[in-house]
Amino acid sequence: VEPLLEALEDPRYAAGRAELADVLVSLMLRVEDPRIVTALQQHVLNDPDARVRGRIASKLATHKNAKFTEVFFQALQDTSGVVRHQAMNALDLLENEFDETSKERLRQQARNMLEDPHRDARIEAMFVVEDHVAQLVKQAREQAIKADLEGADSLFSAALAFSPTSHRANYYLGRFYMENDQPERGMQI
């Protein structure tokens, strides 16, 4: 572990530092050494090379390691779109492990990133937003089936408020109003 950590810090190995990070992520899965976790956390946030930051975030995402949740949230503010994309991807993969507060934090961050200049970061954020909209629409449809029209209306409205441009939210909200004898409201959507 020690020689790998030293090599990751050594500018003479600049060309291979991303690969060194790969090795450390892989090694972390087999060796309980807190120095690896600490080094990876520091490098995903502060490494001078965006390729290294992005590679670490990407590799950690594939392992769905919740130890790095806060690091991923911080990495959403990175100057590199590649790093932001990988951090959003990692958080999306970890979302099922989150409490409701962390889920809401992820949703808000994703909404903020819908206008991200990096195409892949925007797309990854859109997946998170649309997944939440889909959950709200599903709950609303369940309420409509139970004849709880007020509850359904509230959930559809929440989905539309969360993502006003969501085709899914607009489509189902329009259908809901048309099916429930409120065509004038459905036409406004």
Protein backbone atom coordinates (compact mmCIF):
# COMPACT_ATOMS: atom_id res chain seq x y z
CA VAL A 1 0.00 0.00 0.00
CA GLU A 2 2.71 2.46 1.00
CA PRO A 3 4.58 2.42 -2.37
CA LEU A 4 1.30 2.91 -4.26
CA LEU A 5 0.28 5.84 -2.08
CA GLU A 6 3.71 7.42 -2.52
CA ALA A 7 3.59 6.92 -6.29
CA LEU A 8 0.16 8.58 -6.45
CA GLU A 9 1.70 11.66 -4.83
CA ASP A 10 4.85 11.65 -6.98
CA PRO A 11 4.74 14.01 -10.00
CA ARG A 12 7.25 11.78 -11.81
CA TYR A 13 4.42 9.28 -12.33
CA ALA A 14 1.99 11.84 -13.76
CA ALA A 15 1.25 9.77 -16.86
CA GLY A 16 0.21 6.72 -14.81
CA ARG A 17 -1.49 8.32 -11.81
CA ALA A 18 -5.01 7.52 -13.07
CA GLU A 19 -4.04 3.86 -13.34
CA LEU A 20 -2.49 3.99 -9.87
CA ALA A 21 -5.81 5.27 -8.58
CA ASP A 22 -7.52 2.29 -10.25
CA VAL A 23 -5.20 -0.08 -8.45
CA LEU A 24 -5.82 1.61 -5.10
CA VAL A 25 -9.60 1.43 -5.53
CA SER A 26 -9.30 -2.25 -6.37
CA LEU A 27 -6.93 -2.86 -3.47
CA MET A 28 -9.29 -1.09 -1.08
CA LEU A 29 -11.81 -3.88 -1.69
CA ARG A 30 -9.35 -6.52 -0.53
CA VAL A 31 -7.32 -4.75 2.13
CA GLU A 32 -8.62 -2.93 5.19
CA ASP A 33 -6.27 0.03 5.26
CA PRO A 34 -7.75 3.42 6.19
CA ARG A 35 -4.87 5.18 4.41
CA ILE A 36 -6.33 4.07 1.08
CA VAL A 37 -9.76 5.49 1.87
CA THR A 38 -8.24 8.75 3.10
CA ALA A 39 -5.99 9.10 0.05
CA LEU A 40 -8.82 8.39 -2.38
CA GLN A 41 -11.12 10.88 -0.65
CA GLN A 42 -8.43 13.57 -0.80
CA HIS A 43 -7.58 12.88 -4.43
CA VAL A 44 -11.14 12.77 -5.72
CA LEU A 45 -11.61 16.27 -4.31
CA ASN A 46 -8.19 17.91 -4.57
CA ASP A 47 -6.02 16.16 -7.12
CA PRO A 48 -4.61 18.68 -9.60
CA ASP A 49 -5.41 16.33 -12.50
CA ALA A 50 -9.11 16.14 -13.45
CA ARG A 51 -8.46 12.77 -15.10
CA VAL A 52 -7.38 11.34 -11.74
CA ARG A 53 -10.34 12.89 -9.90
CA GLY A 54 -12.74 11.56 -12.54
CA ARG A 55 -11.19 8.11 -12.62
CA ILE A 56 -11.40 7.73 -8.85
CA ALA A 57 -15.04 8.85 -8.81
CA SER A 58 -15.84 6.48 -11.68
CA LYS A 59 -14.18 3.47 -10.08
CA LEU A 60 -15.70 4.16 -6.68
CA ALA A 61 -19.13 4.47 -8.30
CA THR A 62 -18.90 0.96 -9.70
CA HIS A 63 -18.29 -0.39 -6.20
CA LYS A 64 -21.21 1.49 -4.65
CA ASN A 65 -19.22 2.35 -1.56
CA ALA A 66 -21.32 4.47 0.80
CA LYS A 67 -18.16 5.61 2.67
CA PHE A 68 -17.69 8.12 -0.13
CA THR A 69 -21.17 9.64 -0.16
CA GLU A 70 -20.14 13.01 1.25
CA VAL A 71 -17.12 13.12 -1.03
CA PHE A 72 -19.40 12.54 -4.03
CA PHE A 73 -21.69 15.35 -2.93
CA GLN A 74 -18.67 17.66 -2.66
CA ALA A 75 -17.39 16.50 -6.05
CA LEU A 76 -20.62 17.78 -7.65
CA GLN A 77 -19.01 21.23 -7.29
CA ASP A 78 -15.85 20.23 -9.17
CA THR A 79 -14.66 22.43 -12.03
CA SER A 80 -14.46 19.38 -14.29
CA GLY A 81 -17.67 18.19 -15.92
CA VAL A 82 -16.27 14.67 -16.04
CA VAL A 83 -15.89 14.63 -12.27
CA ARG A 84 -19.38 16.10 -11.75
CA HIS A 85 -20.82 13.46 -14.08
CA GLN A 86 -19.07 10.60 -12.27
CA ALA A 87 -20.06 11.96 -8.85
CA MET A 88 -23.73 12.25 -9.88
CA ASN A 89 -23.58 8.73 -11.31
CA ALA A 90 -22.12 7.42 -8.05
CA LEU A 91 -24.78 9.15 -5.97
CA ASP A 92 -27.52 7.83 -8.23
CA LEU A 93 -26.18 4.30 -7.73
CA LEU A 94 -26.05 4.80 -3.97
CA GLU A 95 -29.47 6.43 -3.61
CA ASN A 96 -31.16 3.28 -2.30
CA GLU A 97 -28.79 3.39 0.69
CA PHE A 98 -29.72 6.98 1.58
CA ASP A 99 -32.02 8.26 4.26
CA GLU A 100 -34.75 10.65 3.11
CA THR A 101 -32.63 13.74 3.85
CA SER A 102 -29.80 12.53 1.63
CA LYS A 103 -32.26 11.54 -1.11
CA GLU A 104 -33.73 15.03 -1.06
CA ARG A 105 -30.25 16.55 -1.15
CA LEU A 106 -29.44 14.41 -4.20
CA ARG A 107 -32.68 15.44 -5.95
CA GLN A 108 -31.98 19.12 -5.35
CA GLN A 109 -28.40 18.79 -6.58
CA ALA A 110 -29.68 16.98 -9.68
CA ARG A 111 -32.21 19.73 -10.37
CA ASN A 112 -29.42 22.28 -10.09
CA MET A 113 -27.34 20.31 -12.58
CA LEU A 114 -30.01 20.16 -15.29
CA GLU A 115 -28.32 23.19 -16.82
CA ASP A 116 -24.76 21.92 -16.30
CA PRO A 117 -22.44 22.84 -19.18
CA HIS A 118 -21.16 19.25 -19.34
CA ARG A 119 -23.55 17.13 -21.43
CA ASP A 120 -23.03 13.84 -19.55
CA ALA A 121 -23.42 15.55 -16.17
CA ARG A 122 -26.73 17.05 -17.38
CA ILE A 123 -27.93 13.66 -18.62
CA GLU A 124 -27.01 11.92 -15.36
CA ALA A 125 -28.84 14.63 -13.41
CA MET A 126 -31.86 14.22 -15.68
CA PHE A 127 -31.98 10.49 -14.81
CA VAL A 128 -32.16 11.32 -11.11
CA VAL A 129 -34.85 13.97 -11.63
CA GLU A 130 -36.96 11.78 -13.92
CA ASP A 131 -36.69 8.85 -11.54
CA HIS A 132 -38.14 11.00 -8.77
CA VAL A 133 -40.89 12.29 -11.07
CA ALA A 134 -41.71 8.69 -12.04
CA GLN A 135 -42.05 7.76 -8.36
CA LEU A 136 -44.38 10.68 -7.71
CA VAL A 137 -46.47 9.87 -10.80
CA LYS A 138 -46.72 6.23 -9.74
CA GLN A 139 -47.91 7.24 -6.27
CA ALA A 140 -50.39 9.69 -7.81
CA ARG A 141 -51.80 7.03 -10.12
CA GLU A 142 -52.19 4.69 -7.14
CA GLN A 143 -54.11 7.40 -5.30
CA ALA A 144 -56.34 7.97 -8.34
CA ILE A 145 -57.13 4.25 -8.50
CA LYS A 146 -58.16 4.43 -4.84
CA ALA A 147 -60.43 7.36 -5.77
CA ASP A 148 -58.34 9.75 -3.66
CA LEU A 149 -58.47 12.46 -6.31
CA GLU A 150 -57.22 15.18 -3.99
CA GLY A 151 -54.18 13.08 -3.03
CA ALA A 152 -53.54 12.21 -6.67
CA ASP A 153 -53.82 15.86 -7.71
CA SER A 154 -51.38 16.84 -4.97
CA LEU A 155 -48.81 14.24 -6.07
CA PHE A 156 -49.15 15.08 -9.76
CA SER A 157 -48.72 18.75 -8.90
CA ALA A 158 -45.64 17.94 -6.81
CA ALA A 159 -44.14 16.04 -9.75
CA LEU A 160 -44.81 18.95 -12.08
CA ALA A 161 -43.48 21.48 -9.56
CA PHE A 162 -40.31 19.41 -9.15
CA SER A 163 -39.74 19.20 -12.90
CA PRO A 164 -41.99 21.54 -14.91
CA THR A 165 -40.55 20.30 -18.20
CA SER A 166 -41.04 16.61 -17.42
CA HIS A 167 -42.98 15.04 -20.27
CA ARG A 168 -44.07 12.22 -17.97
CA ALA A 169 -45.48 14.55 -15.32
CA ASN A 170 -47.25 16.70 -17.92
CA TYR A 171 -48.67 13.71 -19.77
CA TYR A 172 -50.10 11.95 -16.72
CA LEU A 173 -51.35 15.14 -15.11
CA GLY A 174 -53.16 16.06 -18.32
CA ARG A 175 -54.67 12.58 -18.56
CA PHE A 176 -55.72 12.73 -14.92
CA TYR A 177 -57.61 15.99 -15.43
CA MET A 178 -59.21 14.80 -18.67
CA GLU A 179 -60.32 11.53 -17.07
CA ASN A 180 -61.73 13.28 -14.05
CA ASP A 181 -63.95 15.74 -15.90
CA GLN A 182 -61.63 18.70 -15.62
CA PRO A 183 -60.70 19.10 -19.30
CA GLU A 184 -60.12 22.84 -18.98
CA ARG A 185 -57.40 22.17 -16.41
CA GLY A 186 -55.91 19.35 -18.47
CA MET A 187 -55.66 21.67 -21.45
CA GLN A 188 -53.64 24.18 -19.42
CA ILE A 189 -50.87 21.71 -18.70
